[in-house]
C-alpha atoms as a PDB file:
ATOM      1  CA  UNK A   1       0.000   0.000   0.000  1.00  0.00           C
ATOM      2  CA  UNK A   2       1.387   3.404  -1.045  1.00  0.00           C
ATOM      3  CA  UNK A   3       0.344   5.947   1.606  1.00  0.00           C
ATOM      4  CA  UNK A   4       1.226   8.857  -0.682  1.00  0.00           C
ATOM      5  CA  UNK A   5      -1.054   7.558  -3.454  1.00  0.00           C
ATOM      6  CA  UNK A   6      -3.850   6.978  -0.945  1.00  0.00           C
ATOM      7  CA  UNK A   7      -3.422  10.528   0.340  1.00  0.00           C
ATOM      8  CA  UNK A   8      -3.427  11.999  -3.166  1.00  0.00           C
ATOM      9  CA  UNK A   9      -6.650  10.173  -3.998  1.00  0.00           C
ATOM     10  CA  UNK A  10      -8.354  11.352  -0.790  1.00  0.00           C
ATOM     11  CA  UNK A  11      -7.297  14.918  -1.639  1.00  0.00           C
ATOM     12  CA  UNK A  12      -8.627  14.573  -5.192  1.00  0.00           C
ATOM     13  CA  UNK A  13     -11.953  13.183  -3.978  1.00  0.00           C
ATOM     14  CA  UNK A  14     -12.238  15.999  -1.448  1.00  0.00           C
ATOM     15  CA  UNK A  15     -11.452  18.777  -3.929  1.00  0.00           C
ATOM     16  CA  UNK A  16     -13.648  17.220  -6.638  1.00  0.00           C
ATOM     17  CA  UNK A  17     -16.527  17.484  -4.173  1.00  0.00           C
ATOM     18  CA  UNK A  18     -15.595  21.071  -3.252  1.00  0.00           C
ATOM     19  CA  UNK A  19     -14.865  20.242   0.376  1.00  0.00           C
ATOM     20  CA  UNK A  20     -12.255  21.844   2.597  1.00  0.00           C
ATOM     21  CA  UNK A  21     -10.150  19.678   4.890  1.00  0.00           C
ATOM     22  CA  UNK A  22     -12.245  20.981   7.798  1.00  0.00           C
ATOM     23  CA  UNK A  23     -15.526  20.103   6.063  1.00  0.00           C
ATOM     24  CA  UNK A  24     -14.329  16.582   5.261  1.00  0.00           C
ATOM     25  CA  UNK A  25     -13.030  16.165   8.810  1.00  0.00           C
ATOM     26  CA  UNK A  26     -16.422  17.184  10.220  1.00  0.00           C
ATOM     27  CA  UNK A  27     -18.204  14.630   8.033  1.00  0.00           C
ATOM     28  CA  UNK A  28     -15.851  11.879   9.263  1.00  0.00           C
ATOM     29  CA  UNK A  29     -15.782  13.046  12.911  1.00  0.00           C
ATOM     30  CA  UNK A  30     -12.003  13.537  12.868  1.00  0.00           C
ATOM     31  CA  UNK A  31      -9.746  16.588  13.118  1.00  0.00           C
ATOM     32  CA  UNK A  32      -8.661  18.514  10.035  1.00  0.00           C
ATOM     33  CA  UNK A  33      -5.094  17.700  11.102  1.00  0.00           C
ATOM     34  CA  UNK A  34      -5.900  14.004  10.583  1.00  0.00           C
ATOM     35  CA  UNK A  35      -7.160  14.738   7.064  1.00  0.00           C
ATOM     36  CA  UNK A  36      -4.009  16.765   6.390  1.00  0.00           C
ATOM     37  CA  UNK A  37      -1.800  13.845   7.490  1.00  0.00           C
ATOM     38  CA  UNK A  38      -3.720  11.471   5.208  1.00  0.00           C
ATOM     39  CA  UNK A  39      -3.351  13.775   2.224  1.00  0.00           C
ATOM     40  CA  UNK A  40       0.364  14.292   2.914  1.00  0.00           C
ATOM     41  CA  UNK A  41       0.948  10.530   3.077  1.00  0.00           C
ATOM     42  CA  UNK A  42       1.976  10.622   6.741  1.00  0.00           C
ATOM     43  CA  UNK A  43      -0.756   8.247   7.902  1.00  0.00           C
ATOM     44  CA  UNK A  44      -3.796   6.363   6.588  1.00  0.00           C
ATOM     45  CA  UNK A  45      -7.389   6.236   7.844  1.00  0.00           C
ATOM     46  CA  UNK A  46      -8.334   3.294  10.037  1.00  0.00           C
ATOM     47  CA  UNK A  47     -10.781   0.628   8.852  1.00  0.00           C
ATOM     48  CA  UNK A  48     -13.901   2.439  10.109  1.00  0.00           C
ATOM     49  CA  UNK A  49     -12.791   5.734   8.532  1.00  0.00           C
ATOM     50  CA  UNK A  50     -12.020   4.036   5.215  1.00  0.00           C
ATOM     51  CA  UNK A  51     -15.524   2.592   5.235  1.00  0.00           C
ATOM     52  CA  UNK A  52     -17.003   6.071   5.792  1.00  0.00           C
ATOM     53  CA  UNK A  53     -14.833   7.642   3.076  1.00  0.00           C
ATOM     54  CA  UNK A  54     -15.836   4.928   0.602  1.00  0.00           C
ATOM     55  CA  UNK A  55     -19.521   5.560   1.343  1.00  0.00           C
ATOM     56  CA  UNK A  56     -19.153   9.342   1.242  1.00  0.00           C
ATOM     57  CA  UNK A  57     -17.475   9.376  -2.176  1.00  0.00           C
ATOM     58  CA  UNK A  58     -19.051   6.174  -3.574  1.00  0.00           C
ATOM     59  CA  UNK A  59     -15.700   4.486  -4.107  1.00  0.00           C
ATOM     60  CA  UNK A  60     -14.621   0.906  -3.432  1.00  0.00           C
ATOM     61  CA  UNK A  61     -12.294   0.474  -0.465  1.00  0.00           C
ATOM     62  CA  UNK A  62      -9.942  -1.520  -2.700  1.00  0.00           C
ATOM     63  CA  UNK A  63      -9.654   1.453  -5.082  1.00  0.00           C
ATOM     64  CA  UNK A  64      -9.164   3.792  -2.148  1.00  0.00           C
ATOM     65  CA  UNK A  65      -6.296   1.760  -0.737  1.00  0.00           C
ATOM     66  CA  UNK A  66      -4.717   1.306  -4.174  1.00  0.00           C
ATOM     67  CA  UNK A  67      -4.814   5.073  -4.558  1.00  0.00           C
ATOM     68  CA  UNK A  68      -6.554   5.022  -7.928  1.00  0.00           C
ATOM     69  CA  UNK A  69      -9.987   4.598  -9.422  1.00  0.00           C
ATOM     70  CA  UNK A  70     -10.385   1.451 -11.476  1.00  0.00           C
ATOM     71  CA  UNK A  71     -12.992   0.169 -13.897  1.00  0.00           C
ATOM     72  CA  UNK A  72     -15.503  -2.000 -12.056  1.00  0.00           C
ATOM     73  CA  UNK A  73     -15.107  -5.722 -12.608  1.00  0.00           C
ATOM     74  CA  UNK A  74     -17.725  -8.407 -12.263  1.00  0.00           C
ATOM     75  CA  UNK A  75     -15.566 -10.921 -10.435  1.00  0.00           C
ATOM     76  CA  UNK A  76     -16.841 -10.089  -6.964  1.00  0.00           C
ATOM     77  CA  UNK A  77     -15.227 -13.076  -5.275  1.00  0.00           C
ATOM     78  CA  UNK A  78     -11.746 -11.961  -6.320  1.00  0.00           C
ATOM     79  CA  UNK A  79     -12.590  -8.394  -5.344  1.00  0.00           C
ATOM     80  CA  UNK A  80     -13.683  -9.450  -1.868  1.00  0.00           C
ATOM     81  CA  UNK A  81     -10.503 -11.462  -1.365  1.00  0.00           C
ATOM     82  CA  UNK A  82      -8.442  -8.482  -2.549  1.00  0.00           C
ATOM     83  CA  UNK A  83     -10.228  -6.131  -0.148  1.00  0.00           C
ATOM     84  CA  UNK A  84      -9.667  -8.477   2.778  1.00  0.00           C
ATOM     85  CA  UNK A  85      -5.980  -8.775   1.901  1.00  0.00           C
ATOM     86  CA  UNK A  86      -5.672  -4.994   1.760  1.00  0.00           C
ATOM     87  CA  UNK A  87      -7.507  -4.644   5.066  1.00  0.00           C
ATOM     88  CA  UNK A  88      -5.099  -7.132   6.583  1.00  0.00           C
ATOM     89  CA  UNK A  89      -2.183  -4.984   5.422  1.00  0.00           C
ATOM     90  CA  UNK A  90      -3.951  -1.932   6.830  1.00  0.00           C
ATOM     91  CA  UNK A  91      -4.407  -3.547  10.207  1.00  0.00           C
ATOM     92  CA  UNK A  92      -0.751  -4.525  10.282  1.00  0.00           C
ATOM     93  CA  UNK A  93       0.184  -0.942   9.400  1.00  0.00           C
ATOM     94  CA  UNK A  94      -2.092   0.377  12.110  1.00  0.00           C
ATOM     95  CA  UNK A  95      -0.485  -1.972  14.621  1.00  0.00           C
ATOM     96  CA  UNK A  96       3.024  -0.978  13.606  1.00  0.00           C
ATOM     97  CA  UNK A  97       2.167   2.724  13.908  1.00  0.00           C
ATOM     98  CA  UNK A  98       0.697   2.204  17.366  1.00  0.00           C
ATOM     99  CA  UNK A  99       3.839   0.741  18.878  1.00  0.00           C
ATOM    100  CA  UNK A 100       2.728   1.521  22.425  1.00  0.00           C
ATOM    101  CA  UNK A 101       0.183  -1.285  22.162  1.00  0.00           C
ATOM    102  CA  UNK A 102       1.297  -4.907  21.806  1.00  0.00           C
ATOM    103  CA  UNK A 103      -0.906  -6.540  19.167  1.00  0.00           C
ATOM    104  CA  UNK A 104      -0.963 -10.030  17.740  1.00  0.00           C
ATOM    105  CA  UNK A 105      -2.370 -10.645  14.279  1.00  0.00           C
ATOM    106  CA  UNK A 106      -3.896 -13.825  12.876  1.00  0.00           C
ATOM    107  CA  UNK A 107      -5.653 -15.036   9.751  1.00  0.00           C
ATOM    108  CA  UNK A 108      -9.107 -16.552  10.219  1.00  0.00           C
ATOM    109  CA  UNK A 109      -9.811 -19.774   8.345  1.00  0.00           C
ATOM    110  CA  UNK A 110     -11.765 -22.943   9.107  1.00  0.00           C
ATOM    111  CA  UNK A 111     -10.779 -26.570   9.458  1.00  0.00           C
ATOM    112  CA  UNK A 112     -14.268 -27.654   8.371  1.00  0.00           C
ATOM    113  CA  UNK A 113     -13.613 -29.080   4.912  1.00  0.00           C
ATOM    114  CA  UNK A 114     -17.060 -28.090   3.597  1.00  0.00           C
ATOM    115  CA  UNK A 115     -16.383 -24.366   4.057  1.00  0.00           C
ATOM    116  CA  UNK A 116     -13.938 -21.695   3.000  1.00  0.00           C
ATOM    117  CA  UNK A 117     -13.629 -18.434   4.963  1.00  0.00           C
ATOM    118  CA  UNK A 118     -11.606 -15.272   4.498  1.00  0.00           C
ATOM    119  CA  UNK A 119     -10.903 -13.135   7.549  1.00  0.00           C
ATOM    120  CA  UNK A 120      -8.417 -11.539   9.930  1.00  0.00           C
ATOM    121  CA  UNK A 121      -8.139 -10.950  13.679  1.00  0.00           C
ATOM    122  CA  UNK A 122      -5.981  -8.619  15.777  1.00  0.00           C
ATOM    123  CA  UNK A 123      -5.861  -8.535  19.570  1.00  0.00           C
ATOM    124  CA  UNK A 124      -3.905  -6.833  22.327  1.00  0.00           C
ATOM    125  CA  UNK A 125      -2.634  -8.011  25.696  1.00  0.00           C
ATOM    126  CA  UNK A 126      -5.786  -6.716  27.400  1.00  0.00           C
ATOM    127  CA  UNK A 127      -7.998  -9.011  25.348  1.00  0.00           C
ATOM    128  CA  UNK A 128      -9.540  -6.402  23.041  1.00  0.00           C
ATOM    129  CA  UNK A 129     -10.278  -7.987  19.669  1.00  0.00           C
ATOM    130  CA  UNK A 130     -10.707  -6.669  16.128  1.00  0.00           C
ATOM    131  CA  UNK A 131     -12.326  -9.183  13.759  1.00  0.00           C
ATOM    132  CA  UNK A 132     -13.150  -9.077  10.056  1.00  0.00           C
ATOM    133  CA  UNK A 133     -14.816 -12.049   8.336  1.00  0.00           C
ATOM    134  CA  UNK A 134     -16.316 -12.261   4.866  1.00  0.00           C
ATOM    135  CA  UNK A 135     -16.605 -14.429   1.747  1.00  0.00           C
ATOM    136  CA  UNK A 136     -17.963 -17.579   3.386  1.00  0.00           C
ATOM    137  CA  UNK A 137     -18.264 -20.300   0.758  1.00  0.00           C
ATOM    138  CA  UNK A 138     -19.574 -23.855   1.009  1.00  0.00           C
ATOM    139  CA  UNK A 139     -19.760 -26.914  -1.220  1.00  0.00           C
ATOM    140  CA  UNK A 140     -23.137 -27.828   0.249  1.00  0.00           C
ATOM    141  CA  UNK A 141     -25.641 -29.126  -2.290  1.00  0.00           C
ATOM    142  CA  UNK A 142     -28.618 -28.259  -0.095  1.00  0.00           C
ATOM    143  CA  UNK A 143     -30.991 -26.351  -2.405  1.00  0.00           C
ATOM    144  CA  UNK A 144     -33.687 -25.821   0.239  1.00  0.00           C
ATOM    145  CA  UNK A 145     -35.063 -22.287   0.324  1.00  0.00           C
ATOM    146  CA  UNK A 146     -35.246 -21.321   3.995  1.00  0.00           C
ATOM    147  CA  UNK A 147     -37.628 -18.710   5.327  1.00  0.00           C
ATOM    148  CA  UNK A 148     -34.925 -17.205   7.554  1.00  0.00           C
ATOM    149  CA  UNK A 149     -31.183 -17.779   7.783  1.00  0.00           C
ATOM    150  CA  UNK A 150     -29.164 -16.170  10.583  1.00  0.00           C
ATOM    151  CA  UNK A 151     -25.453 -16.291  11.420  1.00  0.00           C
ATOM    152  CA  UNK A 152     -23.798 -15.411  14.750  1.00  0.00           C
ATOM    153  CA  UNK A 153     -20.152 -15.257  15.825  1.00  0.00           C
ATOM    154  CA  UNK A 154     -19.162 -16.926  19.134  1.00  0.00           C
ATOM    155  CA  UNK A 155     -16.140 -17.368  21.348  1.00  0.00           C
ATOM    156  CA  UNK A 156     -15.752 -20.603  23.326  1.00  0.00           C
ATOM    157  CA  UNK A 157     -13.402 -20.180  26.287  1.00  0.00           C
ATOM    158  CA  UNK A 158     -13.138 -23.158  28.637  1.00  0.00           C
ATOM    159  CA  UNK A 159     -16.615 -24.329  27.678  1.00  0.00           C
ATOM    160  CA  UNK A 160     -18.229 -20.911  28.195  1.00  0.00           C
ATOM    161  CA  UNK A 161     -19.822 -19.744  24.955  1.00  0.00           C
ATOM    162  CA  UNK A 162     -20.089 -15.982  24.488  1.00  0.00           C
ATOM    163  CA  UNK A 163     -21.889 -14.402  21.557  1.00  0.00           C
ATOM    164  CA  UNK A 164     -19.673 -11.744  19.988  1.00  0.00           C
ATOM    165  CA  UNK A 165     -21.997 -10.449  17.296  1.00  0.00           C
ATOM    166  CA  UNK A 166     -25.082 -11.314  15.249  1.00  0.00           C
ATOM    167  CA  UNK A 167     -24.679 -10.679  11.550  1.00  0.00           C
ATOM    168  CA  UNK A 168     -26.821  -7.690  10.562  1.00  0.00           C
ATOM    169  CA  UNK A 169     -27.919  -9.405   7.368  1.00  0.00           C
ATOM    170  CA  UNK A 170     -30.707 -11.979   7.753  1.00  0.00           C
ATOM    171  CA  UNK A 171     -31.468 -14.199   4.769  1.00  0.00           C
ATOM    172  CA  UNK A 172     -35.078 -14.510   3.666  1.00  0.00           C
ATOM    173  CA  UNK A 173     -36.340 -17.118   1.195  1.00  0.00           C
ATOM    174  CA  UNK A 174     -32.801 -18.171   0.349  1.00  0.00           C
ATOM    175  CA  UNK A 175     -30.519 -21.171   0.525  1.00  0.00           C
ATOM    176  CA  UNK A 176     -27.838 -21.373   3.187  1.00  0.00           C
ATOM    177  CA  UNK A 177     -25.155 -21.322   0.493  1.00  0.00           C
ATOM    178  CA  UNK A 178     -26.529 -18.144  -1.069  1.00  0.00           C
ATOM    179  CA  UNK A 179     -26.865 -16.358   2.270  1.00  0.00           C
ATOM    180  CA  UNK A 180     -23.382 -17.220   3.522  1.00  0.00           C
ATOM    181  CA  UNK A 181     -21.910 -15.368   0.543  1.00  0.00           C
ATOM    182  CA  UNK A 182     -23.486 -12.132   1.834  1.00  0.00           C
ATOM    183  CA  UNK A 183     -22.380 -12.522   5.457  1.00  0.00           C
ATOM    184  CA  UNK A 184     -19.814 -10.059   6.806  1.00  0.00           C
ATOM    185  CA  UNK A 185     -18.602  -9.488  10.361  1.00  0.00           C
ATOM    186  CA  UNK A 186     -16.705  -6.296  11.188  1.00  0.00           C
ATOM    187  CA  UNK A 187     -16.037  -6.252  14.951  1.00  0.00           C
ATOM    188  CA  UNK A 188     -13.876  -3.573  16.563  1.00  0.00           C
ATOM    189  CA  UNK A 189     -15.086  -3.475  20.141  1.00  0.00           C
ATOM    190  CA  UNK A 190     -15.111  -7.011  21.552  1.00  0.00           C
ATOM    191  CA  UNK A 191     -13.421  -7.581  24.918  1.00  0.00           C
ATOM    192  CA  UNK A 192     -12.473 -11.208  25.433  1.00  0.00           C
ATOM    193  CA  UNK A 193     -12.271 -12.768  28.875  1.00  0.00           C
ATOM    194  CA  UNK A 194      -9.049 -14.412  27.732  1.00  0.00           C
ATOM    195  CA  UNK A 195      -5.968 -12.333  26.912  1.00  0.00           C
ATOM    196  CA  UNK A 196      -4.292 -15.339  25.254  1.00  0.00           C
ATOM    197  CA  UNK A 197      -6.539 -16.224  22.330  1.00  0.00           C
ATOM    198  CA  UNK A 198      -4.660 -19.442  21.672  1.00  0.00           C
ATOM    199  CA  UNK A 199      -6.750 -20.778  24.553  1.00  0.00           C
ATOM    200  CA  UNK A 200     -10.037 -19.719  22.969  1.00  0.00           C
ATOM    201  CA  UNK A 201     -12.058 -21.261  20.171  1.00  0.00           C
ATOM    202  CA  UNK A 202     -14.232 -19.307  17.770  1.00  0.00           C
ATOM    203  CA  UNK A 203     -17.107 -20.478  15.624  1.00  0.00           C
ATOM    204  CA  UNK A 204     -20.060 -19.323  13.569  1.00  0.00           C
ATOM    205  CA  UNK A 205     -23.510 -20.589  14.474  1.00  0.00           C
ATOM    206  CA  UNK A 206     -25.944 -20.831  11.578  1.00  0.00           C
ATOM    207  CA  UNK A 207     -29.676 -21.192  12.136  1.00  0.00           C
ATOM    208  CA  UNK A 208     -32.075 -21.853   9.262  1.00  0.00           C
ATOM    209  CA  UNK A 209     -35.873 -21.915   9.567  1.00  0.00           C
ATOM    210  CA  UNK A 210     -37.921 -23.659   6.881  1.00  0.00           C
ATOM    211  CA  UNK A 211     -41.504 -23.035   5.777  1.00  0.00           C
ATOM    212  CA  UNK A 212     -42.769 -25.435   8.456  1.00  0.00           C
ATOM    213  CA  UNK A 213     -41.096 -23.277  11.138  1.00  0.00           C
ATOM    214  CA  UNK A 214     -38.592 -26.012  11.910  1.00  0.00           C
ATOM    215  CA  UNK A 215     -35.160 -24.581  12.700  1.00  0.00           C
ATOM    216  CA  UNK A 216     -31.865 -26.371  12.205  1.00  0.00           C
ATOM    217  CA  UNK A 217     -28.614 -25.260  13.847  1.00  0.00           C
ATOM    218  CA  UNK A 218     -25.012 -26.050  12.979  1.00  0.00           C
ATOM    219  CA  UNK A 219     -21.518 -24.696  13.634  1.00  0.00           C
ATOM    220  CA  UNK A 220     -18.709 -23.594  11.356  1.00  0.00           C
ATOM    221  CA  UNK A 221     -15.540 -23.927  13.412  1.00  0.00           C
ATOM    222  CA  UNK A 222     -12.957 -21.198  12.925  1.00  0.00           C
ATOM    223  CA  UNK A 223      -9.190 -21.546  13.069  1.00  0.00           C
ATOM    224  CA  UNK A 224      -6.609 -18.840  13.790  1.00  0.00           C
ATOM    225  CA  UNK A 225      -3.401 -18.974  11.777  1.00  0.00           C
ATOM    226  CA  UNK A 226      -0.343 -16.805  12.371  1.00  0.00           C
ATOM    227  CA  UNK A 227       0.403 -14.282   9.640  1.00  0.00           C
ATOM    228  CA  UNK A 228       3.576 -12.721  10.930  1.00  0.00           C
ATOM    229  CA  UNK A 229       4.858 -11.422  14.268  1.00  0.00           C
ATOM    230  CA  UNK A 230       4.306  -7.731  15.016  1.00  0.00           C
ATOM    231  CA  UNK A 231       6.748  -6.204  17.489  1.00  0.00           C
END
């Protein structure tokens, strides 16, 4: 990621929309000094701020982080994977910049052979966790159209199961496979009871209700893999 290119693009978007640094800062609830640092390539927005900038200027986060506008492509799966990879780099950069906090960074996958998951997780010594999960794919051949499909993220620590977040998107009249493709978790405020996440297990709980109001439940077990050490 080229911070200077990112900053130049943010500046171009701002000026194209006839906004001052102060006006953009007010819209993003940051200081104008923060906007100035972005535009001068001295820092980059965090994940939440990037999301707001992308919405404000109707630009893909991937384009924003590449520092250039690209022609839209139809291969959404590859785009999602690219965005997650860029976000992972962003999180690492954020961690490196904030050297006063000791973070660990892991890739989220699953050891359930029927599923494929893209995600990342960062946590500090106090147990605060940042989680991003998306692009959940399955080889399931279940073509049943369920009335409602819900997905929740859990932590299992010593047999105590704690719900971290319900996915905002609820599937209606859809298959499980179709709904999982739309599921995204973006968690930045979870406080784990365990500071050493190697002792915790994480999983997704999926519930699907059919037309007869019968609900089935199943888990997708998550696995944390080391990316690289951050000192």
